[in-house]
Amino acid sequence: MKHKRTLLWGGALLAAAATAAAACMLEPAITPIATPAASQFASQAVARGARVVAQGDCMVCHTAKGGASFAGGLPLGTPLGTIYTTNITPDAASGIGSWPLAAFTRALRRGVSRDGHLLYPAFPYIHYTRMSNQDIEDAHAGHRRGAAQPADLHARLPSATGRLEPAVPAPWLVGRRWRPAAGRRWY
């Protein structure tokens, strides 16, 4: 009887811990916006954003061989199976056209999509956590310069194991003076 009670309490404790861990990984959705035209962004911000996007090498992962730029669909083999990169064009249905700046920032800094789901573990968001707010804002504007490209949506792999270690700024940056031009090499 005592053994059975211990197992029940252990199971209940394990279930509570799993529920708490799952709740910590859930993020609320950010309300989509109407896709803003590229003309709504300052031309200087779009130009700076194009440079930030080029430096971040977004096209390498988000462009399939022979596909439209940033439309996704590139297959990436992982130990958990093949995943396909996502569309980051201004297309509202399958891209990031309806993402407000807050959603774009959250994706880059925390690896969470606009609708609250975790992005593929293959997305190296941990490398973008140190981007300046200005660079993120410019990159958001820079993504508006391209043509919207619809893309097939692929099944998501529900994996959050890579998120067990929190993304925090590198300790060697604390207290240092930020120089944007030199700092970009860190992401």
N, C-alpha and C. Protein backbone atom coordinates (compact mmCIF):
# COMPACT_ATOMS: atom_id res chain seq x y z
N MET A 1 0.82 -1.20 0.00
CA MET A 1 0.00 0.00 0.00
C MET A 1 0.86 1.25 0.00
N LYS A 2 1.91 1.25 0.85
CA LYS A 2 2.79 2.41 0.93
C LYS A 2 3.52 2.62 -0.40
N HIS A 3 3.92 1.53 -1.05
CA HIS A 3 4.62 1.61 -2.33
C HIS A 3 3.70 2.21 -3.41
N LYS A 4 2.43 1.79 -3.38
CA LYS A 4 1.45 2.29 -4.35
C LYS A 4 1.24 3.80 -4.17
N ARG A 5 1.13 4.23 -2.92
CA ARG A 5 0.93 5.65 -2.62
C ARG A 5 2.14 6.47 -3.08
N THR A 6 3.34 5.95 -2.86
CA THR A 6 4.56 6.64 -3.30
C THR A 6 4.58 6.78 -4.82
N LEU A 7 4.18 5.72 -5.52
CA LEU A 7 4.12 5.78 -6.98
C LEU A 7 3.09 6.80 -7.45
N LEU A 8 1.94 6.84 -6.80
CA LEU A 8 0.91 7.81 -7.17
C LEU A 8 1.39 9.24 -6.97
N TRP A 9 2.00 9.51 -5.81
CA TRP A 9 2.52 10.86 -5.54
C TRP A 9 3.64 11.21 -6.52
N GLY A 10 4.51 10.25 -6.81
CA GLY A 10 5.59 10.48 -7.77
C GLY A 10 5.05 10.79 -9.15
N GLY A 11 4.02 10.03 -9.57
CA GLY A 11 3.39 10.28 -10.87
C GLY A 11 2.72 11.64 -10.92
N ALA A 12 2.03 12.00 -9.84
CA ALA A 12 1.37 13.31 -9.78
C ALA A 12 2.39 14.44 -9.83
N LEU A 13 3.49 14.26 -9.12
CA LEU A 13 4.55 15.27 -9.11
C LEU A 13 5.18 15.40 -10.50
N LEU A 14 5.41 14.28 -11.16
CA LEU A 14 5.97 14.29 -12.51
C LEU A 14 5.02 14.96 -13.50
N ALA A 15 3.72 14.67 -13.38
CA ALA A 15 2.72 15.30 -14.25
C ALA A 15 2.67 16.81 -14.02
N ALA A 16 2.74 17.23 -12.76
CA ALA A 16 2.73 18.66 -12.45
C ALA A 16 3.97 19.35 -13.02
N ALA A 17 5.12 18.69 -12.90
CA ALA A 17 6.36 19.27 -13.44
C ALA A 17 6.29 19.37 -14.96
N ALA A 18 5.75 18.35 -15.62
CA ALA A 18 5.62 18.37 -17.08
C ALA A 18 4.66 19.47 -17.52
N THR A 19 3.56 19.64 -16.79
CA THR A 19 2.60 20.69 -17.10
C THR A 19 3.23 22.07 -16.93
N ALA A 20 3.97 22.25 -15.86
CA ALA A 20 4.64 23.54 -15.62
C ALA A 20 5.68 23.82 -16.71
N ALA A 21 6.43 22.81 -17.11
CA ALA A 21 7.43 22.99 -18.17
C ALA A 21 6.76 23.35 -19.49
N ALA A 22 5.65 22.68 -19.81
CA ALA A 22 4.93 22.98 -21.05
C ALA A 22 4.37 24.39 -21.01
N ALA A 23 3.84 24.81 -19.87
CA ALA A 23 3.28 26.16 -19.75
C ALA A 23 4.36 27.22 -19.94
N CYS A 24 5.57 26.93 -19.49
CA CYS A 24 6.67 27.89 -19.65
C CYS A 24 7.07 28.04 -21.11
N MET A 25 6.83 27.02 -21.92
CA MET A 25 7.21 27.07 -23.33
C MET A 25 6.13 27.71 -24.19
N LEU A 26 4.91 27.84 -23.69
CA LEU A 26 3.83 28.43 -24.47
C LEU A 26 3.95 29.94 -24.47
N GLU A 27 3.70 30.52 -25.59
CA GLU A 27 3.74 31.97 -25.73
C GLU A 27 2.41 32.42 -26.34
N PRO A 28 1.90 33.56 -25.94
CA PRO A 28 0.66 34.04 -26.55
C PRO A 28 0.90 34.51 -27.98
N ALA A 29 -0.14 34.41 -28.79
CA ALA A 29 -0.05 34.89 -30.17
C ALA A 29 0.00 36.42 -30.16
N ILE A 30 0.67 36.98 -31.14
CA ILE A 30 0.68 38.43 -31.34
C ILE A 30 -0.24 38.71 -32.52
N THR A 31 -1.17 39.61 -32.35
CA THR A 31 -2.17 39.90 -33.37
C THR A 31 -1.53 40.28 -34.70
N PRO A 32 -1.96 39.63 -35.80
CA PRO A 32 -1.39 39.98 -37.10
C PRO A 32 -1.84 41.38 -37.51
N ILE A 33 -1.09 41.96 -38.42
CA ILE A 33 -1.42 43.28 -38.95
C ILE A 33 -1.65 43.15 -40.45
N ALA A 34 -2.28 44.15 -41.03
CA ALA A 34 -2.38 44.19 -42.49
C ALA A 34 -0.97 44.36 -43.04
N THR A 35 -0.68 43.66 -44.11
CA THR A 35 0.67 43.71 -44.67
C THR A 35 0.99 45.14 -45.10
N PRO A 36 1.97 45.76 -44.46
CA PRO A 36 2.33 47.13 -44.84
C PRO A 36 3.11 47.12 -46.15
N ALA A 37 2.89 48.14 -46.94
CA ALA A 37 3.64 48.29 -48.19
C ALA A 37 5.06 48.73 -47.85
N ALA A 38 5.98 48.35 -48.71
CA ALA A 38 7.38 48.74 -48.50
C ALA A 38 7.51 50.26 -48.44
N SER A 39 6.61 50.97 -49.14
CA SER A 39 6.68 52.43 -49.16
C SER A 39 6.36 53.04 -47.80
N GLN A 40 5.78 52.28 -46.89
CA GLN A 40 5.48 52.80 -45.56
C GLN A 40 6.72 52.90 -44.68
N PHE A 41 7.80 52.27 -45.11
CA PHE A 41 9.04 52.29 -44.35
C PHE A 41 9.99 53.30 -44.98
N ALA A 42 10.75 53.99 -44.15
CA ALA A 42 11.72 54.96 -44.66
C ALA A 42 12.73 54.24 -45.55
N SER A 43 13.07 54.87 -46.66
CA SER A 43 13.99 54.22 -47.61
C SER A 43 15.35 53.93 -46.97
N GLN A 44 15.77 54.80 -46.03
CA GLN A 44 17.04 54.54 -45.34
C GLN A 44 16.94 53.28 -44.47
N ALA A 45 15.80 53.09 -43.81
CA ALA A 45 15.61 51.89 -42.98
C ALA A 45 15.59 50.64 -43.84
N VAL A 46 14.95 50.71 -45.00
CA VAL A 46 14.91 49.56 -45.91
C VAL A 46 16.31 49.24 -46.40
N ALA A 47 17.10 50.26 -46.74
CA ALA A 47 18.48 50.04 -47.21
C ALA A 47 19.34 49.45 -46.09
N ARG A 48 19.21 50.02 -44.88
CA ARG A 48 19.97 49.46 -43.75
C ARG A 48 19.52 48.03 -43.46
N GLY A 49 18.22 47.80 -43.56
CA GLY A 49 17.68 46.46 -43.33
C GLY A 49 18.18 45.46 -44.34
N ALA A 50 18.30 45.88 -45.59
CA ALA A 50 18.83 44.98 -46.63
C ALA A 50 20.25 44.56 -46.28
N ARG A 51 21.03 45.49 -45.74
CA ARG A 51 22.40 45.15 -45.33
C ARG A 51 22.40 44.18 -44.14
N VAL A 52 21.54 44.44 -43.16
CA VAL A 52 21.47 43.56 -41.99
C VAL A 52 21.03 42.15 -42.41
N VAL A 53 20.04 42.07 -43.29
CA VAL A 53 19.55 40.77 -43.77
C VAL A 53 20.66 40.05 -44.54
N ALA A 54 21.42 40.80 -45.34
CA ALA A 54 22.54 40.19 -46.08
C ALA A 54 23.62 39.71 -45.11
N GLN A 55 23.92 40.50 -44.09
CA GLN A 55 24.93 40.11 -43.11
C GLN A 55 24.48 38.90 -42.28
N GLY A 56 23.19 38.81 -42.03
CA GLY A 56 22.65 37.67 -41.28
C GLY A 56 22.55 36.41 -42.12
N ASP A 57 22.77 36.54 -43.43
CA ASP A 57 22.75 35.41 -44.36
C ASP A 57 21.41 34.69 -44.37
N CYS A 58 20.32 35.43 -44.24
CA CYS A 58 18.98 34.85 -44.19
C CYS A 58 18.67 34.04 -45.45
N MET A 59 19.16 34.52 -46.60
CA MET A 59 18.84 33.88 -47.87
C MET A 59 19.39 32.46 -47.95
N VAL A 60 20.51 32.19 -47.30
CA VAL A 60 21.13 30.87 -47.40
C VAL A 60 20.16 29.77 -46.95
N CYS A 61 19.48 29.98 -45.84
CA CYS A 61 18.56 28.96 -45.33
C CYS A 61 17.15 29.10 -45.87
N HIS A 62 16.74 30.31 -46.17
CA HIS A 62 15.35 30.54 -46.53
C HIS A 62 15.11 30.59 -48.03
N THR A 63 16.03 30.04 -48.83
CA THR A 63 15.85 29.97 -50.28
C THR A 63 16.19 28.56 -50.73
N ALA A 64 15.20 27.87 -51.30
CA ALA A 64 15.44 26.53 -51.82
C ALA A 64 16.21 26.63 -53.14
N LYS A 65 16.93 25.59 -53.47
CA LYS A 65 17.69 25.56 -54.72
C LYS A 65 16.72 25.77 -55.89
N GLY A 66 16.97 26.84 -56.65
CA GLY A 66 16.11 27.17 -57.78
C GLY A 66 14.81 27.85 -57.38
N GLY A 67 14.63 28.14 -56.11
CA GLY A 67 13.39 28.75 -55.63
C GLY A 67 13.49 30.26 -55.54
N ALA A 68 12.37 30.89 -55.23
CA ALA A 68 12.32 32.34 -55.07
C ALA A 68 13.06 32.73 -53.79
N SER A 69 13.70 33.88 -53.82
CA SER A 69 14.45 34.36 -52.66
C SER A 69 13.56 34.46 -51.43
N PHE A 70 14.03 33.92 -50.33
CA PHE A 70 13.39 33.97 -49.02
C PHE A 70 12.07 33.21 -48.93
N ALA A 71 11.68 32.46 -49.97
CA ALA A 71 10.39 31.76 -49.96
C ALA A 71 10.42 30.44 -49.21
N GLY A 72 11.58 30.07 -48.67
CA GLY A 72 11.67 28.84 -47.88
C GLY A 72 11.67 27.59 -48.74
N GLY A 73 11.44 26.46 -48.09
CA GLY A 73 11.36 25.19 -48.80
C GLY A 73 12.67 24.44 -48.90
N LEU A 74 13.75 24.98 -48.35
CA LEU A 74 15.04 24.28 -48.40
C LEU A 74 15.00 23.12 -47.41
N PRO A 75 15.23 21.87 -47.89
CA PRO A 75 15.22 20.75 -46.95
C PRO A 75 16.51 20.70 -46.13
N LEU A 76 16.36 20.54 -44.83
CA LEU A 76 17.51 20.42 -43.93
C LEU A 76 17.40 19.08 -43.20
N GLY A 77 18.39 18.23 -43.39
CA GLY A 77 18.39 16.95 -42.70
C GLY A 77 18.84 17.13 -41.26
N THR A 78 18.10 16.57 -40.34
CA THR A 78 18.44 16.62 -38.92
C THR A 78 18.35 15.20 -38.37
N PRO A 79 18.90 14.96 -37.20
CA PRO A 79 18.75 13.63 -36.59
C PRO A 79 17.29 13.25 -36.34
N LEU A 80 16.41 14.24 -36.28
CA LEU A 80 15.00 13.97 -36.03
C LEU A 80 14.18 13.90 -37.31
N GLY A 81 14.83 14.00 -38.46
CA GLY A 81 14.14 13.96 -39.74
C GLY A 81 14.39 15.23 -40.54
N THR A 82 13.84 15.28 -41.73
CA THR A 82 14.02 16.44 -42.61
C THR A 82 13.01 17.52 -42.25
N ILE A 83 13.50 18.73 -42.12
CA ILE A 83 12.61 19.88 -41.93
C ILE A 83 12.82 20.81 -43.11
N TYR A 84 11.85 21.64 -43.39
CA TYR A 84 11.92 22.56 -44.51
C TYR A 84 11.88 23.98 -43.98
N THR A 85 12.76 24.80 -44.50
CA THR A 85 12.82 26.18 -44.02
C THR A 85 11.56 26.93 -44.41
N THR A 86 11.26 27.96 -43.64
CA THR A 86 10.01 28.69 -43.81
C THR A 86 10.16 29.90 -44.71
N ASN A 87 9.03 30.37 -45.15
CA ASN A 87 8.92 31.53 -46.03
C ASN A 87 9.03 32.79 -45.17
N ILE A 88 9.97 33.66 -45.51
CA ILE A 88 10.09 34.93 -44.78
C ILE A 88 9.93 36.12 -45.73
N THR A 89 9.13 35.91 -46.79
CA THR A 89 8.81 37.01 -47.70
C THR A 89 7.65 37.81 -47.10
N PRO A 90 7.28 38.94 -47.71
CA PRO A 90 6.14 39.73 -47.21
C PRO A 90 4.77 39.11 -47.48
N ASP A 91 4.71 37.86 -47.93
CA ASP A 91 3.43 37.20 -48.17
C ASP A 91 2.69 37.05 -46.84
N ALA A 92 1.45 37.53 -46.79
CA ALA A 92 0.70 37.51 -45.53
C ALA A 92 0.24 36.11 -45.14
N ALA A 93 -0.06 35.27 -46.11
CA ALA A 93 -0.60 33.94 -45.80
C ALA A 93 0.48 32.96 -45.36
N SER A 94 1.60 32.90 -46.08
CA SER A 94 2.61 31.89 -45.74
C SER A 94 3.96 32.47 -45.36
N GLY A 95 4.09 33.79 -45.41
CA GLY A 95 5.34 34.44 -45.04
C GLY A 95 5.19 35.22 -43.75
N ILE A 96 5.93 36.32 -43.66
CA ILE A 96 5.89 37.13 -42.44
C ILE A 96 5.29 38.51 -42.70
N GLY A 97 4.51 38.61 -43.77
CA GLY A 97 3.92 39.90 -44.14
C GLY A 97 2.97 40.48 -43.10
N SER A 98 2.33 39.62 -42.33
CA SER A 98 1.38 40.12 -41.33
C SER A 98 2.00 40.22 -39.94
N TRP A 99 3.31 40.07 -39.88
CA TRP A 99 3.99 40.13 -38.58
C TRP A 99 4.32 41.57 -38.19
N PRO A 100 3.82 42.03 -37.05
CA PRO A 100 4.27 43.34 -36.57
C PRO A 100 5.71 43.24 -36.06
N LEU A 101 6.32 44.37 -35.83
CA LEU A 101 7.70 44.40 -35.36
C LEU A 101 7.89 43.58 -34.09
N ALA A 102 6.92 43.60 -33.18
CA ALA A 102 7.03 42.84 -31.93
C ALA A 102 7.17 41.34 -32.20
N ALA A 103 6.43 40.82 -33.18
CA ALA A 103 6.51 39.40 -33.51
C ALA A 103 7.85 39.07 -34.16
N PHE A 104 8.32 39.95 -35.03
CA PHE A 104 9.61 39.75 -35.70
C PHE A 104 10.73 39.74 -34.65
N THR A 105 10.65 40.67 -33.71
CA THR A 105 11.65 40.75 -32.64
C THR A 105 11.63 39.49 -31.78
N ARG A 106 10.44 39.04 -31.42
CA ARG A 106 10.33 37.83 -30.59
C ARG A 106 10.90 36.61 -31.31
N ALA A 107 10.67 36.51 -32.61
CA ALA A 107 11.22 35.38 -33.37
C ALA A 107 12.74 35.41 -33.37
N LEU A 108 13.31 36.59 -33.57
CA LEU A 108 14.77 36.70 -33.61
C LEU A 108 15.40 36.50 -32.24
N ARG A 109 14.77 37.00 -31.22
CA ARG A 109 15.40 36.96 -29.90
C ARG A 109 15.05 35.71 -29.09
N ARG A 110 13.84 35.15 -29.32
CA ARG A 110 13.43 34.03 -28.47
C ARG A 110 13.02 32.79 -29.25
N GLY A 111 13.01 32.86 -30.59
CA GLY A 111 12.68 31.68 -31.38
C GLY A 111 11.22 31.28 -31.31
N VAL A 112 10.33 32.28 -31.20
CA VAL A 112 8.90 32.02 -31.10
C VAL A 112 8.20 32.77 -32.23
N SER A 113 7.32 32.06 -32.94
CA SER A 113 6.60 32.62 -34.08
C SER A 113 5.54 33.63 -33.63
N ARG A 114 4.97 34.34 -34.59
CA ARG A 114 3.92 35.31 -34.30
C ARG A 114 2.73 34.65 -33.62
N ASP A 115 2.38 33.44 -34.06
CA ASP A 115 1.21 32.77 -33.48
C ASP A 115 1.52 32.03 -32.18
N GLY A 116 2.77 32.09 -31.72
CA GLY A 116 3.14 31.53 -30.42
C GLY A 116 3.82 30.18 -30.46
N HIS A 117 3.89 29.54 -31.64
CA HIS A 117 4.57 28.23 -31.67
C HIS A 117 6.08 28.43 -31.72
N LEU A 118 6.79 27.43 -31.24
CA LEU A 118 8.25 27.48 -31.26
C LEU A 118 8.74 27.26 -32.68
N LEU A 119 9.73 28.04 -33.07
CA LEU A 119 10.31 27.87 -34.40
C LEU A 119 11.18 26.62 -34.40
N TYR A 120 11.46 26.11 -35.58
CA TYR A 120 12.31 24.93 -35.70
C TYR A 120 13.59 25.12 -34.91
N PRO A 121 14.07 24.08 -34.26
CA PRO A 121 15.34 24.20 -33.54
C PRO A 121 16.51 24.51 -34.47
N ALA A 122 16.33 24.28 -35.77
CA ALA A 122 17.40 24.59 -36.72
C ALA A 122 17.59 26.09 -36.87
N PHE A 123 16.56 26.89 -36.54
CA PHE A 123 16.70 28.34 -36.65
C PHE A 123 17.66 28.82 -35.56
N PRO A 124 18.75 29.45 -35.96
CA PRO A 124 19.77 29.83 -34.97
C PRO A 124 19.45 31.12 -34.23
N TYR A 125 18.23 31.23 -33.68
CA TYR A 125 17.82 32.47 -33.03
C TYR A 125 18.78 32.88 -31.92
N ILE A 126 19.44 31.92 -31.33
CA ILE A 126 20.36 32.24 -30.23
C ILE A 126 21.47 33.18 -30.69
N HIS A 127 21.79 33.14 -31.99
CA HIS A 127 22.81 34.03 -32.54
C HIS A 127 22.30 35.45 -32.75
N TYR A 128 20.98 35.62 -32.75
CA TYR A 128 20.40 36.94 -33.00
C TYR A 128 19.94 37.63 -31.72
N THR A 129 20.12 37.01 -30.58
CA THR A 129 19.65 37.60 -29.32
C THR A 129 20.35 38.92 -29.01
N ARG A 130 21.53 39.11 -29.55
CA ARG A 130 22.30 40.32 -29.24
C ARG A 130 22.14 41.42 -30.30
N MET A 131 21.24 41.21 -31.25
CA MET A 131 21.02 42.26 -32.25
C MET A 131 20.48 43.51 -31.56
N SER A 132 20.92 44.65 -32.05
CA SER A 132 20.39 45.89 -31.49
C SER A 132 18.93 46.06 -31.93
N ASN A 133 18.17 46.81 -31.17
CA ASN A 133 16.78 47.08 -31.54
C ASN A 133 16.71 47.75 -32.90
N GLN A 134 17.66 48.66 -33.18
CA GLN A 134 17.67 49.35 -34.47
C GLN A 134 17.90 48.38 -35.62
N ASP A 135 18.84 47.45 -35.45
CA ASP A 135 19.10 46.47 -36.51
C ASP A 135 17.88 45.58 -36.75
N ILE A 136 17.18 45.20 -35.69
CA ILE A 136 15.98 44.38 -35.85
C ILE A 136 14.90 45.17 -36.57
N GLU A 137 14.72 46.42 -36.18
CA GLU A 137 13.72 47.27 -36.84
C GLU A 137 14.07 47.45 -38.32
N ASP A 138 15.34 47.66 -38.62
CA ASP A 138 15.77 47.82 -40.01
C ASP A 138 15.59 46.53 -40.80
N ALA A 139 15.92 45.39 -40.19
CA ALA A 139 15.75 44.09 -40.87
C ALA A 139 14.27 43.85 -41.16
N HIS A 140 13.41 44.23 -40.23
CA HIS A 140 11.97 44.11 -40.44
C HIS A 140 11.55 44.93 -41.65
N ALA A 141 12.06 46.13 -41.76
CA ALA A 141 11.77 46.98 -42.92
C ALA A 141 12.40 46.39 -44.18
N GLY A 142 13.61 45.87 -44.06
CA GLY A 142 14.31 45.30 -45.21
C GLY A 142 13.59 44.11 -45.81
N HIS A 143 12.89 43.35 -45.00
CA HIS A 143 12.15 42.20 -45.52
C HIS A 143 10.93 42.63 -46.32
N ARG A 144 10.56 43.88 -46.26
CA ARG A 144 9.39 44.38 -47.00
C ARG A 144 9.73 44.75 -48.44
N ARG A 145 11.01 44.80 -48.77
CA ARG A 145 11.40 45.25 -50.10
C ARG A 145 11.18 44.19 -51.17
N GLY A 146 11.12 42.92 -50.80
CA GLY A 146 10.99 41.84 -51.77
C GLY A 146 9.54 41.59 -52.15
N ALA A 147 9.36 40.75 -53.15
CA ALA A 147 8.02 40.38 -53.59
C ALA A 147 7.49 39.28 -52.68
N ALA A 148 6.21 39.34 -52.41
CA ALA A 148 5.58 38.29 -51.61
C ALA A 148 5.56 37.00 -52.42
N GLN A 149 6.00 35.93 -51.84
CA GLN A 149 6.05 34.63 -52.51
C GLN A 149 5.29 33.62 -51.67
N PRO A 150 4.16 33.12 -52.18
CA PRO A 150 3.50 32.06 -51.42
C PRO A 150 4.36 30.80 -51.44
N ALA A 151 4.30 30.02 -50.40
CA ALA A 151 5.08 28.78 -50.32
C ALA A 151 4.25 27.72 -49.62
N ASP A 152 4.57 26.48 -49.92
CA ASP A 152 3.89 25.37 -49.25
C ASP A 152 4.29 25.38 -47.79
N LEU A 153 3.32 25.14 -46.94
CA LEU A 153 3.62 25.01 -45.52
C LEU A 153 3.87 23.54 -45.22
N HIS A 154 4.90 23.26 -44.49
CA HIS A 154 5.24 21.88 -44.15
C HIS A 154 4.88 21.60 -42.70
N ALA A 155 4.68 20.36 -42.41
CA ALA A 155 4.35 19.97 -41.04
C ALA A 155 5.47 20.37 -40.10
N ARG A 156 5.11 20.91 -38.98
CA ARG A 156 6.10 21.34 -38.00
C ARG A 156 6.52 20.18 -37.12
N LEU A 157 7.75 20.18 -36.77
CA LEU A 157 8.29 19.16 -35.88
C LEU A 157 8.21 19.71 -34.46
N PRO A 158 7.35 19.15 -33.61
CA PRO A 158 7.20 19.70 -32.26
C PRO A 158 8.39 19.33 -31.37
N SER A 159 9.43 20.12 -31.45
CA SER A 159 10.61 19.83 -30.66
C SER A 159 11.05 21.08 -29.92
N ALA A 160 11.12 20.97 -28.63
CA ALA A 160 11.56 22.11 -27.83
C ALA A 160 12.77 21.75 -27.00
N THR A 161 13.39 20.62 -27.29
CA THR A 161 14.51 20.18 -26.46
C THR A 161 15.69 21.13 -26.53
N GLY A 162 15.87 21.80 -27.65
CA GLY A 162 16.99 22.72 -27.78
C GLY A 162 16.80 24.01 -27.01
N ARG A 163 15.63 24.18 -26.41
CA ARG A 163 15.32 25.42 -25.71
C ARG A 163 15.44 25.27 -24.20
N LEU A 164 16.00 24.19 -23.76
CA LEU A 164 16.13 24.00 -22.33
C LEU A 164 17.16 24.93 -21.71
N GLU A 165 18.12 25.38 -22.53
CA GLU A 165 19.11 26.34 -22.05
C GLU A 165 18.66 27.73 -22.50
N PRO A 166 18.46 28.66 -21.61
CA PRO A 166 17.96 29.97 -22.00
C PRO A 166 18.97 30.76 -22.84
N ALA A 167 18.43 31.55 -23.76
CA ALA A 167 19.28 32.41 -24.59
C ALA A 167 19.52 33.70 -23.83
N VAL A 168 20.74 33.91 -23.43
CA VAL A 168 21.10 35.11 -22.68
C VAL A 168 22.26 35.80 -23.37
N PRO A 169 22.39 37.10 -23.22
CA PRO A 169 23.52 37.79 -23.82
C PRO A 169 24.84 37.23 -23.30
N ALA A 170 25.82 37.26 -24.14
CA ALA A 170 27.14 36.73 -23.78
C ALA A 170 27.73 37.55 -22.64
N PRO A 171 28.31 36.89 -21.64
CA PRO A 171 28.85 37.61 -20.48
C PRO A 171 29.98 38.55 -20.84
N TRP A 172 30.70 38.27 -21.92
CA TRP A 172 31.82 39.14 -22.27
C TRP A 172 31.36 40.48 -22.83
N LEU A 173 30.05 40.62 -23.09
CA LEU A 173 29.53 41.89 -23.59
C LEU A 173 29.09 42.83 -22.47
N VAL A 174 28.86 42.28 -21.30
CA VAL A 174 28.35 43.08 -20.19
C VAL A 174 29.37 44.16 -19.82
N GLY A 175 28.91 45.39 -19.79
CA GLY A 175 29.77 46.50 -19.40
C GLY A 175 30.62 47.07 -20.53
N ARG A 176 30.60 46.43 -21.68
CA ARG A 176 31.40 46.96 -22.79
C ARG A 176 30.61 48.02 -23.55
N ARG A 177 31.32 48.94 -24.14
CA ARG A 177 30.67 49.96 -24.95
C ARG A 177 30.27 49.33 -26.29
N TRP A 178 29.04 49.51 -26.67
CA TRP A 178 28.53 48.93 -27.92
C TRP A 178 28.93 49.78 -29.11
N ARG A 179 29.55 49.16 -30.07
CA ARG A 179 29.87 49.81 -31.33
C ARG A 179 29.15 49.02 -32.42
N PRO A 180 28.06 49.56 -32.97
CA PRO A 180 27.24 48.79 -33.90
C PRO A 180 28.02 48.15 -35.05
N ALA A 181 28.91 48.88 -35.69
CA ALA A 181 29.63 48.32 -36.83
C ALA A 181 30.48 47.12 -36.41
N ALA A 182 31.16 47.23 -35.29
CA ALA A 182 31.99 46.13 -34.82
C ALA A 182 31.13 45.03 -34.20
N GLY A 183 30.03 45.42 -33.59
CA GLY A 183 29.19 44.47 -32.90
C GLY A 183 28.44 43.51 -33.81
N ARG A 184 28.20 43.88 -35.06
CA ARG A 184 27.44 43.01 -35.94
C ARG A 184 28.13 41.68 -36.19
N ARG A 185 29.43 41.63 -36.03
CA ARG A 185 30.10 40.36 -36.25
C ARG A 185 29.69 39.33 -35.20
N TRP A 186 29.07 39.77 -34.09
CA TRP A 186 28.66 38.84 -33.04
C TRP A 186 27.35 38.16 -33.40
N TYR A 187 26.69 38.57 -34.44
CA TYR A 187 25.49 37.86 -34.88
C TYR A 187 25.49 37.85 -36.35
